[in-house]
């Protein structure tokens, strides 16, 4: 019975986690906005969009995307290295 429930339990956990992350971002987005203290990237992007600075908003988004890709690649390479070292 547990193997059939595992995907539902995992999906519920992921949905709860993603909601919590979204709510945290919303709280910071609404209450924060203190320069160099509580600014977050989505806030900077929205600010650029409100100023009709589409190139600036795109630049911030692209930089964040590249950082994400580099981190994912580094984590993947580190896991592969650790698996090979353990054998």
C-alpha atoms as a PDB file:
ATOM      1  CA  UNK A   1       0.000   0.000   0.000  1.00  0.00           C
ATOM      2  CA  UNK A   2       2.852   2.395   0.764  1.00  0.00           C
ATOM      3  CA  UNK A   3       4.399   2.246  -2.741  1.00  0.00           C
ATOM      4  CA  UNK A   4       1.103   3.359  -4.261  1.00  0.00           C
ATOM      5  CA  UNK A   5       0.785   6.247  -1.788  1.00  0.00           C
ATOM      6  CA  UNK A   6       4.390   7.426  -2.121  1.00  0.00           C
ATOM      7  CA  UNK A   7       3.825   9.625  -5.217  1.00  0.00           C
ATOM      8  CA  UNK A   8       0.831  11.329  -3.594  1.00  0.00           C
ATOM      9  CA  UNK A   9       2.738  11.941  -0.365  1.00  0.00           C
ATOM     10  CA  UNK A  10       5.732  13.293  -2.269  1.00  0.00           C
ATOM     11  CA  UNK A  11       3.526  15.559  -4.395  1.00  0.00           C
ATOM     12  CA  UNK A  12       1.806  16.903  -1.273  1.00  0.00           C
ATOM     13  CA  UNK A  13       5.166  17.632   0.347  1.00  0.00           C
ATOM     14  CA  UNK A  14       6.457  19.427  -2.768  1.00  0.00           C
ATOM     15  CA  UNK A  15       3.282  21.506  -3.071  1.00  0.00           C
ATOM     16  CA  UNK A  16       3.455  22.493   0.598  1.00  0.00           C
ATOM     17  CA  UNK A  17       7.115  23.445   0.272  1.00  0.00           C
ATOM     18  CA  UNK A  18       6.565  25.471  -2.894  1.00  0.00           C
ATOM     19  CA  UNK A  19       3.659  27.307  -1.275  1.00  0.00           C
ATOM     20  CA  UNK A  20       5.782  28.132   1.765  1.00  0.00           C
ATOM     21  CA  UNK A  21       8.577  29.477  -0.428  1.00  0.00           C
ATOM     22  CA  UNK A  22       6.075  31.576  -2.387  1.00  0.00           C
ATOM     23  CA  UNK A  23       4.515  32.970   0.773  1.00  0.00           C
ATOM     24  CA  UNK A  24       7.943  33.842   2.176  1.00  0.00           C
ATOM     25  CA  UNK A  25       8.772  35.673  -1.034  1.00  0.00           C
ATOM     26  CA  UNK A  26       5.470  37.546  -0.881  1.00  0.00           C
ATOM     27  CA  UNK A  27       6.096  38.662   2.691  1.00  0.00           C
ATOM     28  CA  UNK A  28       9.559  39.936   1.802  1.00  0.00           C
ATOM     29  CA  UNK A  29       8.202  41.507  -1.386  1.00  0.00           C
ATOM     30  CA  UNK A  30       5.499  43.430   0.495  1.00  0.00           C
ATOM     31  CA  UNK A  31       7.163  44.227   3.826  1.00  0.00           C
ATOM     32  CA  UNK A  32      10.840  44.365   2.923  1.00  0.00           C
ATOM     33  CA  UNK A  33      12.091  46.620   0.176  1.00  0.00           C
ATOM     34  CA  UNK A  34      14.943  47.984   2.225  1.00  0.00           C
ATOM     35  CA  UNK A  35      17.860  48.525  -0.176  1.00  0.00           C
ATOM     36  CA  UNK A  36      20.770  46.113   0.358  1.00  0.00           C
ATOM     37  CA  UNK A  37      18.961  44.523   3.344  1.00  0.00           C
ATOM     38  CA  UNK A  38      15.828  42.731   2.221  1.00  0.00           C
ATOM     39  CA  UNK A  39      15.641  43.306  -1.522  1.00  0.00           C
ATOM     40  CA  UNK A  40      15.016  40.190  -3.554  1.00  0.00           C
ATOM     41  CA  UNK A  41      15.518  39.612  -7.236  1.00  0.00           C
ATOM     42  CA  UNK A  42      11.809  39.527  -8.183  1.00  0.00           C
ATOM     43  CA  UNK A  43      11.424  42.930  -6.517  1.00  0.00           C
ATOM     44  CA  UNK A  44      14.276  44.328  -8.592  1.00  0.00           C
ATOM     45  CA  UNK A  45      12.766  42.873 -11.763  1.00  0.00           C
ATOM     46  CA  UNK A  46       9.318  44.317 -11.023  1.00  0.00           C
ATOM     47  CA  UNK A  47      10.873  47.702 -10.245  1.00  0.00           C
ATOM     48  CA  UNK A  48      12.679  47.664 -13.578  1.00  0.00           C
ATOM     49  CA  UNK A  49       9.477  46.681 -15.381  1.00  0.00           C
ATOM     50  CA  UNK A  50       7.537  49.506 -13.710  1.00  0.00           C
ATOM     51  CA  UNK A  51      10.189  51.913 -14.967  1.00  0.00           C
ATOM     52  CA  UNK A  52       9.828  50.447 -18.482  1.00  0.00           C
ATOM     53  CA  UNK A  53      13.449  49.299 -18.314  1.00  0.00           C
ATOM     54  CA  UNK A  54      12.896  45.986 -20.089  1.00  0.00           C
ATOM     55  CA  UNK A  55      16.577  45.517 -20.876  1.00  0.00           C
ATOM     56  CA  UNK A  56      17.494  45.893 -17.205  1.00  0.00           C
ATOM     57  CA  UNK A  57      14.796  43.450 -16.095  1.00  0.00           C
ATOM     58  CA  UNK A  58      15.925  40.963 -18.720  1.00  0.00           C
ATOM     59  CA  UNK A  59      19.562  41.331 -17.686  1.00  0.00           C
ATOM     60  CA  UNK A  60      18.744  40.606 -14.036  1.00  0.00           C
ATOM     61  CA  UNK A  61      16.634  37.577 -14.986  1.00  0.00           C
ATOM     62  CA  UNK A  62      19.307  36.186 -17.315  1.00  0.00           C
ATOM     63  CA  UNK A  63      22.029  36.574 -14.673  1.00  0.00           C
ATOM     64  CA  UNK A  64      19.879  34.761 -12.100  1.00  0.00           C
ATOM     65  CA  UNK A  65      19.130  32.014 -14.627  1.00  0.00           C
ATOM     66  CA  UNK A  66      22.830  31.551 -15.389  1.00  0.00           C
ATOM     67  CA  UNK A  67      23.668  31.417 -11.676  1.00  0.00           C
ATOM     68  CA  UNK A  68      20.984  28.754 -11.218  1.00  0.00           C
ATOM     69  CA  UNK A  69      22.360  26.672 -14.085  1.00  0.00           C
ATOM     70  CA  UNK A  70      25.917  26.915 -12.749  1.00  0.00           C
ATOM     71  CA  UNK A  71      24.805  25.862  -9.262  1.00  0.00           C
ATOM     72  CA  UNK A  72      22.826  22.903 -10.601  1.00  0.00           C
ATOM     73  CA  UNK A  73      25.804  21.837 -12.735  1.00  0.00           C
ATOM     74  CA  UNK A  74      28.180  22.161  -9.765  1.00  0.00           C
ATOM     75  CA  UNK A  75      25.907  20.095  -7.533  1.00  0.00           C
ATOM     76  CA  UNK A  76      25.568  17.439 -10.240  1.00  0.00           C
ATOM     77  CA  UNK A  77      29.336  17.252 -10.790  1.00  0.00           C
ATOM     78  CA  UNK A  78      29.963  17.081  -7.050  1.00  0.00           C
ATOM     79  CA  UNK A  79      27.518  14.188  -6.696  1.00  0.00           C
ATOM     80  CA  UNK A  80      29.135  12.295  -9.588  1.00  0.00           C
ATOM     81  CA  UNK A  81      32.597  12.876  -8.151  1.00  0.00           C
ATOM     82  CA  UNK A  82      31.476  11.634  -4.741  1.00  0.00           C
ATOM     83  CA  UNK A  83      29.896   8.498  -6.214  1.00  0.00           C
ATOM     84  CA  UNK A  84      33.044   7.676  -8.197  1.00  0.00           C
ATOM     85  CA  UNK A  85      35.275   8.314  -5.198  1.00  0.00           C
ATOM     86  CA  UNK A  86      33.175   6.043  -2.999  1.00  0.00           C
ATOM     87  CA  UNK A  87      33.578   3.010  -5.300  1.00  0.00           C
END
